């Protein structure tokens, strides 16, 4: 947390905790791990891989790997090229917050053009500010991007986490 930002309290703290809980649920299902495995395969040789930590929380590792927007832009360019779309321009040397956030915004715009709905995209600060709760929005966007890539026949295929099913008594993961 920034030294210049006050701590959250009241409803803002409740929202933050709920968002962090949502991320923990996605992590328990293996969604972030599958996204990073897929991105590593897609970006093989074009971007340093994100090492996936099989034990414990990995959200910080993922945040910092994606934070400058470079991996995201390289990824969307591969997807767009496969779909016959023009690649987007980005700064591969994003050393300042302004450039990194511009890269993230470029990714979001390109993902929208690729087929993602506006409500599935995330705000640049959801990634750049490195907070666990808002990072869930990034994970959700990349998960949906994987589904869209699969629909368009992109390979390697995104191996999504199976969604929880519903039985007679309620929701179940089996």
Foldseek 3Di string as FASTA:
>chain_A
DDPPDDDDDDPVVVLLVVLLVLLVVCVVLVLVVLLLVQLCVLCPPPADGQDDDPDDDDLLSVLVRCQLLLSLLVNLQSLQVLLVHHRDDADNPRPDNVRSQVSLVSSQVSLVVLPDDPVLHAHSCLRNVSRNRSCVSVSSSSLVSLVSSVVSVDPPHRDGRDDWDADPVGTGND
